Each structure stands twice: as structure tokens, then as C-alpha cells.
Amino acid sequence: QVQLVESGGGLVQAGGSLRLSCAASGRTFSSYATGWFRQAPGKEREFVAAVSWSGARTSYADSVKGRFTISRDNAKNTVYLAMNRLKPEETAVYYCGARESVFPSILYSRSHEYNYWGQGTQVTVSS
């Protein structure tokens, strides 16, 4: 099993930046594809970004392309989400998901494809 712990959330003004981290412990994290999702009150969890376990491929929701960057450091068992030019409507709890993958370059963008989740970190963007 893999345990995930997100951190780095907080309160930021619109147009500001935050960097989220997702630290993994347990089994070898380098063979796990990972993704970031977010969930606002009363809304479904939505895809934000994903990275393959090799780190070679990434994908983003259209709404965050050009502003968010997902990356991973397998030596540190950590995945990051750098968020720039944040908007008030992006206020949500941000979750890190992981799943084991035999393919180093496969990406997963649907929440049901992940079987490990962290507890989430709150991001609040004020207007």
C-alpha cells in the first residue's frame, strides 16, 4: 500500500501562487502514476493534472493549462503541483491520487482510476 499526505495549501489572493506537495510512503512510489484532483463544496471531484510514474508525460485540465505544473521527484517520493495566477473559483480541497502502473508513460485522468488518496489540502483563493 501507499500512504499519501498533501501539504502546501493555504489562503492566497487572486493572481497569487501556491505549490502543493504530495509525499508518499509505503511501497516503491516510482511505479505509481499520480494525479491531482480538486473538489469544491457541493461539486464533484474534478481532474486537475496527472503525471506518469516515469515523469516523462503530463496532462492537464484545460482550465489550468499554462498556469499549473505537475512534477515528481521519485527519489523523494513526492509529487508537486505548482499553481500560478490562481482564481477564486479554484478554491477547493486538492487531493493527490496514486495507482500502480506497469507502463511508465501512462496517464490517468479519472478519479475512479486511482485507488490511493491523501486526505486533501485546502486551497482558498480570495478575490
C-alpha atoms as a PDB file:
ATOM      1  CA  GLN A   1       0.000   0.000   0.000  1.00  0.00           C
ATOM      2  CA  VAL A   2       0.905   3.639  -0.442  1.00  0.00           C
ATOM      3  CA  GLN A   3       0.090   6.404   2.015  1.00  0.00           C
ATOM      4  CA  LEU A   4      -0.229   9.923   0.633  1.00  0.00           C
ATOM      5  CA  VAL A   5      -0.002  13.189   2.549  1.00  0.00           C
ATOM      6  CA  GLU A   6      -0.708  16.508   0.857  1.00  0.00           C
ATOM      7  CA  SER A   7       0.613  19.834   2.084  1.00  0.00           C
ATOM      8  CA  GLY A   8       1.147  23.371   0.883  1.00  0.00           C
ATOM      9  CA  GLY A   9      -2.408  24.617   0.755  1.00  0.00           C
ATOM     10  CA  GLY A  10      -3.498  27.887   2.262  1.00  0.00           C
ATOM     11  CA  LEU A  11      -5.071  31.266   1.647  1.00  0.00           C
ATOM     12  CA  VAL A  12      -3.864  33.272  -1.316  1.00  0.00           C
ATOM     13  CA  GLN A  13      -5.140  36.305  -3.191  1.00  0.00           C
ATOM     14  CA  ALA A  14      -6.380  36.011  -6.735  1.00  0.00           C
ATOM     15  CA  GLY A  15      -3.431  36.026  -9.101  1.00  0.00           C
ATOM     16  CA  GLY A  16      -1.154  34.504  -6.488  1.00  0.00           C
ATOM     17  CA  SER A  17       0.735  31.235  -6.414  1.00  0.00           C
ATOM     18  CA  LEU A  18       0.970  28.124  -4.302  1.00  0.00           C
ATOM     19  CA  ARG A  19       2.956  24.933  -4.520  1.00  0.00           C
ATOM     20  CA  LEU A  20       1.337  21.753  -3.288  1.00  0.00           C
ATOM     21  CA  SER A  21       3.274  18.670  -2.299  1.00  0.00           C
ATOM     22  CA  CYS A  22       2.168  15.068  -2.049  1.00  0.00           C
ATOM     23  CA  ALA A  23       4.525  12.893  -0.029  1.00  0.00           C
ATOM     24  CA  ALA A  24       4.218   9.140  -0.407  1.00  0.00           C
ATOM     25  CA  SER A  25       5.288   6.389   1.920  1.00  0.00           C
ATOM     26  CA  GLY A  26       4.963   2.652   1.789  1.00  0.00           C
ATOM     27  CA  ARG A  27       5.741   0.761  -1.335  1.00  0.00           C
ATOM     28  CA  THR A  28       8.031   1.883  -4.134  1.00  0.00           C
ATOM     29  CA  PHE A  29       6.441   5.063  -5.306  1.00  0.00           C
ATOM     30  CA  SER A  30       8.308   5.245  -8.584  1.00  0.00           C
ATOM     31  CA  SER A  31       5.965   2.676 -10.153  1.00  0.00           C
ATOM     32  CA  TYR A  32       2.837   4.664  -9.279  1.00  0.00           C
ATOM     33  CA  ALA A  33       1.167   7.073 -11.656  1.00  0.00           C
ATOM     34  CA  THR A  34      -0.165  10.106  -9.814  1.00  0.00           C
ATOM     35  CA  GLY A  35      -2.637  12.883 -10.281  1.00  0.00           C
ATOM     36  CA  TRP A  36      -4.092  15.946  -8.622  1.00  0.00           C
ATOM     37  CA  PHE A  37      -7.808  16.486  -8.302  1.00  0.00           C
ATOM     38  CA  ARG A  38      -9.876  19.113  -6.557  1.00  0.00           C
ATOM     39  CA  GLN A  39     -13.301  19.262  -5.032  1.00  0.00           C
ATOM     40  CA  ALA A  40     -15.226  22.403  -4.198  1.00  0.00           C
ATOM     41  CA  PRO A  41     -18.213  22.360  -1.813  1.00  0.00           C
ATOM     42  CA  GLY A  42     -21.256  20.876  -3.490  1.00  0.00           C
ATOM     43  CA  LYS A  43     -19.323  19.838  -6.571  1.00  0.00           C
ATOM     44  CA  GLU A  44     -17.856  16.617  -7.825  1.00  0.00           C
ATOM     45  CA  ARG A  45     -14.157  15.886  -7.654  1.00  0.00           C
ATOM     46  CA  GLU A  46     -12.522  17.112 -10.851  1.00  0.00           C
ATOM     47  CA  PHE A  47      -9.285  16.330 -12.584  1.00  0.00           C
ATOM     48  CA  VAL A  48      -6.530  18.922 -12.427  1.00  0.00           C
ATOM     49  CA  ALA A  49      -3.283  17.283 -13.615  1.00  0.00           C
ATOM     50  CA  ALA A  50      -1.559  13.926 -13.945  1.00  0.00           C
ATOM     51  CA  VAL A  51       1.987  12.672 -14.333  1.00  0.00           C
ATOM     52  CA  SER A  52       3.180   9.243 -15.408  1.00  0.00           C
ATOM     53  CA  TRP A  53       5.354   7.313 -12.999  1.00  0.00           C
ATOM     54  CA  SER A  54       8.383   7.931 -15.176  1.00  0.00           C
ATOM     55  CA  GLY A  55       7.671  11.642 -15.042  1.00  0.00           C
ATOM     56  CA  ALA A  56       8.027  11.787 -18.805  1.00  0.00           C
ATOM     57  CA  ARG A  57       4.412  12.610 -19.573  1.00  0.00           C
ATOM     58  CA  THR A  58       1.943  15.041 -18.074  1.00  0.00           C
ATOM     59  CA  SER A  59      -1.606  16.123 -18.758  1.00  0.00           C
ATOM     60  CA  TYR A  60      -3.753  18.990 -17.551  1.00  0.00           C
ATOM     61  CA  ALA A  61      -7.348  20.059 -17.396  1.00  0.00           C
ATOM     62  CA  ASP A  62      -7.972  22.753 -19.993  1.00  0.00           C
ATOM     63  CA  SER A  63      -8.814  25.241 -17.271  1.00  0.00           C
ATOM     64  CA  VAL A  64      -5.326  25.082 -15.742  1.00  0.00           C
ATOM     65  CA  LYS A  65      -3.104  24.668 -18.799  1.00  0.00           C
ATOM     66  CA  GLY A  66      -0.354  27.238 -18.872  1.00  0.00           C
ATOM     67  CA  ARG A  67      -0.799  28.116 -15.191  1.00  0.00           C
ATOM     68  CA  PHE A  68      -0.278  24.842 -13.298  1.00  0.00           C
ATOM     69  CA  THR A  69       2.684  22.495 -13.491  1.00  0.00           C
ATOM     70  CA  ILE A  70       2.795  18.952 -12.145  1.00  0.00           C
ATOM     71  CA  SER A  71       6.120  17.285 -11.455  1.00  0.00           C
ATOM     72  CA  ARG A  72       7.554  14.477  -9.381  1.00  0.00           C
ATOM     73  CA  ASP A  73      10.775  13.569  -7.660  1.00  0.00           C
ATOM     74  CA  ASN A  74      10.853   9.795  -7.284  1.00  0.00           C
ATOM     75  CA  ALA A  75      13.994   9.963  -5.174  1.00  0.00           C
ATOM     76  CA  LYS A  76      11.985  11.956  -2.633  1.00  0.00           C
ATOM     77  CA  ASN A  77       8.716  10.054  -3.161  1.00  0.00           C
ATOM     78  CA  THR A  78       6.994  13.371  -3.767  1.00  0.00           C
ATOM     79  CA  VAL A  79       4.711  14.850  -6.391  1.00  0.00           C
ATOM     80  CA  TYR A  80       4.265  18.599  -6.742  1.00  0.00           C
ATOM     81  CA  LEU A  81       1.660  20.920  -8.184  1.00  0.00           C
ATOM     82  CA  ALA A  82       2.821  24.451  -8.831  1.00  0.00           C
ATOM     83  CA  MET A  83      -0.165  26.738  -9.260  1.00  0.00           C
ATOM     84  CA  ASN A  84       0.144  30.252 -10.661  1.00  0.00           C
ATOM     85  CA  ARG A  85      -2.367  33.002 -11.385  1.00  0.00           C
ATOM     86  CA  LEU A  86      -4.906  31.389  -9.121  1.00  0.00           C
ATOM     87  CA  LYS A  87      -8.574  32.305  -9.454  1.00  0.00           C
ATOM     88  CA  PRO A  88     -11.265  32.494  -6.751  1.00  0.00           C
ATOM     89  CA  GLU A  89     -13.252  29.743  -8.460  1.00  0.00           C
ATOM     90  CA  GLU A  90     -10.324  27.410  -7.873  1.00  0.00           C
ATOM     91  CA  THR A  91     -11.000  27.404  -4.171  1.00  0.00           C
ATOM     92  CA  ALA A  92     -11.300  23.736  -3.240  1.00  0.00           C
ATOM     93  CA  VAL A  93      -9.770  20.856  -1.384  1.00  0.00           C
ATOM     94  CA  TYR A  94      -6.955  19.491  -3.503  1.00  0.00           C
ATOM     95  CA  TYR A  95      -6.308  15.756  -3.420  1.00  0.00           C
ATOM     96  CA  CYS A  96      -3.408  13.663  -4.582  1.00  0.00           C
ATOM     97  CA  GLY A  97      -4.188  10.251  -6.051  1.00  0.00           C
ATOM     98  CA  ALA A  98      -1.912   7.351  -6.955  1.00  0.00           C
ATOM     99  CA  ARG A  99      -2.192   3.994  -8.634  1.00  0.00           C
ATOM    100  CA  GLU A 100       0.304   1.332  -9.554  1.00  0.00           C
ATOM    101  CA  SER A 101       1.068   1.140 -13.244  1.00  0.00           C
ATOM    102  CA  VAL A 102       3.169  -1.294 -15.230  1.00  0.00           C
ATOM    103  CA  PHE A 103       3.500   1.256 -18.014  1.00  0.00           C
ATOM    104  CA  PRO A 104       5.940   4.106 -17.346  1.00  0.00           C
ATOM    105  CA  SER A 105       4.210   6.633 -19.575  1.00  0.00           C
ATOM    106  CA  ILE A 106       0.517   6.011 -18.990  1.00  0.00           C
ATOM    107  CA  LEU A 107      -1.582   8.864 -17.604  1.00  0.00           C
ATOM    108  CA  TYR A 108      -4.850   8.596 -15.718  1.00  0.00           C
ATOM    109  CA  SER A 109      -7.315  11.476 -15.611  1.00  0.00           C
ATOM    110  CA  ARG A 110     -10.392   9.952 -13.985  1.00  0.00           C
ATOM    111  CA  SER A 111     -10.757   9.694 -10.242  1.00  0.00           C
ATOM    112  CA  HIS A 112     -12.049   6.117 -10.301  1.00  0.00           C
ATOM    113  CA  GLU A 113      -8.779   5.028 -11.900  1.00  0.00           C
ATOM    114  CA  TYR A 114      -6.915   5.842  -8.690  1.00  0.00           C
ATOM    115  CA  ASN A 115      -7.012   3.609  -5.662  1.00  0.00           C
ATOM    116  CA  TYR A 116      -4.931   5.590  -3.183  1.00  0.00           C
ATOM    117  CA  TRP A 117      -5.808   9.067  -1.951  1.00  0.00           C
ATOM    118  CA  GLY A 118      -4.478  11.559   0.511  1.00  0.00           C
ATOM    119  CA  GLN A 119      -6.583  13.495   2.993  1.00  0.00           C
ATOM    120  CA  GLY A 120      -6.504  16.657   0.907  1.00  0.00           C
ATOM    121  CA  THR A 121      -5.236  20.170   1.454  1.00  0.00           C
ATOM    122  CA  GLN A 122      -7.441  23.262   1.398  1.00  0.00           C
ATOM    123  CA  VAL A 123      -6.712  25.990  -1.131  1.00  0.00           C
ATOM    124  CA  THR A 124      -8.639  29.225  -0.724  1.00  0.00           C
ATOM    125  CA  VAL A 125      -8.295  31.988  -3.279  1.00  0.00           C
ATOM    126  CA  SER A 126      -9.694  35.330  -2.222  1.00  0.00           C
ATOM    127  CA  SER A 127     -10.940  37.908  -4.687  1.00  0.00           C
END
